[in-house]
Amino acid sequence: MSGMFAVLKMFYSLQDSYVSCMLELQRAQAAQRQLQGHVHRHWRVAREAQRETDNAITALEACRVQLVNAIAERDVARAEI
């Protein structure tokens, strides 16, 4: 009888372990879904910030080209004098 009791006790403890593992897995999956929502929202903001940064880099490159051209024109004007 005690052998059967020991087997039943092990079975129920395994069942409890399985249930607790499944609950923990469900909690982890819920947390993961929540984090994916945060990542998606922040990804949109990051993408918009990247576009703004790219636009600023393009504008700075245009200013640099204008400056280089102005310096080249100045050097040509000085050489003619």
C-alpha atoms as a PDB file:
ATOM      1  CA  MET A   1       0.000   0.000   0.000  1.00  0.00           C
ATOM      2  CA  SER A   2       2.794   2.407   0.821  1.00  0.00           C
ATOM      3  CA  GLY A   3       4.387   1.665  -2.579  1.00  0.00           C
ATOM      4  CA  MET A   4       1.177   2.672  -4.317  1.00  0.00           C
ATOM      5  CA  PHE A   5       1.001   5.768  -2.113  1.00  0.00           C
ATOM      6  CA  ALA A   6       4.555   6.692  -3.066  1.00  0.00           C
ATOM      7  CA  VAL A   7       3.763   6.267  -6.780  1.00  0.00           C
ATOM      8  CA  LEU A   8       0.617   8.376  -6.454  1.00  0.00           C
ATOM      9  CA  LYS A   9       2.526  11.024  -4.512  1.00  0.00           C
ATOM     10  CA  MET A  10       5.201  11.156  -7.250  1.00  0.00           C
ATOM     11  CA  PHE A  11       2.519  11.307  -9.942  1.00  0.00           C
ATOM     12  CA  TYR A  12       0.725  14.213  -8.274  1.00  0.00           C
ATOM     13  CA  SER A  13       3.958  16.070  -7.588  1.00  0.00           C
ATOM     14  CA  LEU A  14       4.854  15.679 -11.269  1.00  0.00           C
ATOM     15  CA  GLN A  15       1.383  16.903 -12.208  1.00  0.00           C
ATOM     16  CA  ASP A  16       1.873  19.930  -9.956  1.00  0.00           C
ATOM     17  CA  SER A  17       5.285  20.546 -11.512  1.00  0.00           C
ATOM     18  CA  TYR A  18       3.800  20.259 -15.000  1.00  0.00           C
ATOM     19  CA  VAL A  19       0.970  22.648 -14.149  1.00  0.00           C
ATOM     20  CA  SER A  20       3.341  25.161 -12.578  1.00  0.00           C
ATOM     21  CA  CYS A  21       5.624  24.923 -15.618  1.00  0.00           C
ATOM     22  CA  MET A  22       2.678  25.495 -17.962  1.00  0.00           C
ATOM     23  CA  LEU A  23       1.517  28.494 -15.924  1.00  0.00           C
ATOM     24  CA  GLU A  24       5.009  29.939 -16.002  1.00  0.00           C
ATOM     25  CA  LEU A  25       5.167  29.349 -19.752  1.00  0.00           C
ATOM     26  CA  GLN A  26       1.863  31.161 -20.233  1.00  0.00           C
ATOM     27  CA  ARG A  27       3.118  34.084 -18.142  1.00  0.00           C
ATOM     28  CA  ALA A  28       6.295  34.232 -20.192  1.00  0.00           C
ATOM     29  CA  GLN A  29       4.350  34.147 -23.460  1.00  0.00           C
ATOM     30  CA  ALA A  30       2.076  36.956 -22.256  1.00  0.00           C
ATOM     31  CA  ALA A  31       5.101  39.031 -21.281  1.00  0.00           C
ATOM     32  CA  GLN A  32       6.675  38.338 -24.666  1.00  0.00           C
ATOM     33  CA  ARG A  33       3.525  39.486 -26.497  1.00  0.00           C
ATOM     34  CA  GLN A  34       3.471  42.644 -24.399  1.00  0.00           C
ATOM     35  CA  LEU A  35       7.126  43.353 -25.147  1.00  0.00           C
ATOM     36  CA  GLN A  36       6.566  42.754 -28.857  1.00  0.00           C
ATOM     37  CA  GLY A  37       3.886  45.451 -28.746  1.00  0.00           C
ATOM     38  CA  HIS A  38       6.317  47.848 -27.090  1.00  0.00           C
ATOM     39  CA  VAL A  39       9.022  46.989 -29.615  1.00  0.00           C
ATOM     40  CA  HIS A  40       6.619  47.541 -32.513  1.00  0.00           C
ATOM     41  CA  ARG A  41       5.612  50.965 -31.184  1.00  0.00           C
ATOM     42  CA  HIS A  42       9.201  51.987 -30.512  1.00  0.00           C
ATOM     43  CA  TRP A  43      10.284  50.572 -33.862  1.00  0.00           C
ATOM     44  CA  ARG A  44       7.935  53.046 -35.583  1.00  0.00           C
ATOM     45  CA  VAL A  45       9.405  55.917 -33.578  1.00  0.00           C
ATOM     46  CA  ALA A  46      12.948  54.716 -34.314  1.00  0.00           C
ATOM     47  CA  ARG A  47      12.179  54.439 -38.024  1.00  0.00           C
ATOM     48  CA  GLU A  48      10.817  58.003 -38.059  1.00  0.00           C
ATOM     49  CA  ALA A  49      13.891  59.252 -36.179  1.00  0.00           C
ATOM     50  CA  GLN A  50      16.111  57.434 -38.696  1.00  0.00           C
ATOM     51  CA  ARG A  51      14.326  59.206 -41.563  1.00  0.00           C
ATOM     52  CA  GLU A  52      14.862  62.566 -39.861  1.00  0.00           C
ATOM     53  CA  THR A  53      18.530  61.728 -39.331  1.00  0.00           C
ATOM     54  CA  ASP A  54      18.892  60.723 -42.976  1.00  0.00           C
ATOM     55  CA  ASN A  55      17.271  64.005 -44.049  1.00  0.00           C
ATOM     56  CA  ALA A  56      19.645  65.967 -41.813  1.00  0.00           C
ATOM     57  CA  ILE A  57      22.645  64.093 -43.233  1.00  0.00           C
ATOM     58  CA  THR A  58      21.456  64.854 -46.762  1.00  0.00           C
ATOM     59  CA  ALA A  59      21.058  68.550 -45.906  1.00  0.00           C
ATOM     60  CA  LEU A  60      24.520  68.658 -44.312  1.00  0.00           C
ATOM     61  CA  GLU A  61      26.030  66.982 -47.354  1.00  0.00           C
ATOM     62  CA  ALA A  62      24.391  69.602 -49.601  1.00  0.00           C
ATOM     63  CA  CYS A  63      25.820  72.386 -47.397  1.00  0.00           C
ATOM     64  CA  ARG A  64      29.243  70.753 -47.529  1.00  0.00           C
ATOM     65  CA  VAL A  65      29.108  70.586 -51.327  1.00  0.00           C
ATOM     66  CA  GLN A  66      28.098  74.260 -51.494  1.00  0.00           C
ATOM     67  CA  LEU A  67      30.974  75.184 -49.177  1.00  0.00           C
ATOM     68  CA  VAL A  68      33.471  73.182 -51.233  1.00  0.00           C
ATOM     69  CA  ASN A  69      32.195  74.847 -54.417  1.00  0.00           C
ATOM     70  CA  ALA A  70      32.404  78.302 -52.809  1.00  0.00           C
ATOM     71  CA  ILE A  71      35.994  77.634 -51.696  1.00  0.00           C
ATOM     72  CA  ALA A  72      36.889  76.409 -55.183  1.00  0.00           C
ATOM     73  CA  GLU A  73      35.336  79.541 -56.757  1.00  0.00           C
ATOM     74  CA  ARG A  74      37.205  81.746 -54.255  1.00  0.00           C
ATOM     75  CA  ASP A  75      40.481  80.022 -55.100  1.00  0.00           C
ATOM     76  CA  VAL A  76      39.851  80.494 -58.826  1.00  0.00           C
ATOM     77  CA  ALA A  77      38.996  84.191 -58.267  1.00  0.00           C
ATOM     78  CA  ARG A  78      42.211  84.668 -56.243  1.00  0.00           C
ATOM     79  CA  ALA A  79      44.244  82.922 -58.912  1.00  0.00           C
ATOM     80  CA  GLU A  80      42.892  85.317 -61.573  1.00  0.00           C
ATOM     81  CA  ILE A  81      43.900  88.372 -59.567  1.00  0.00           C
END
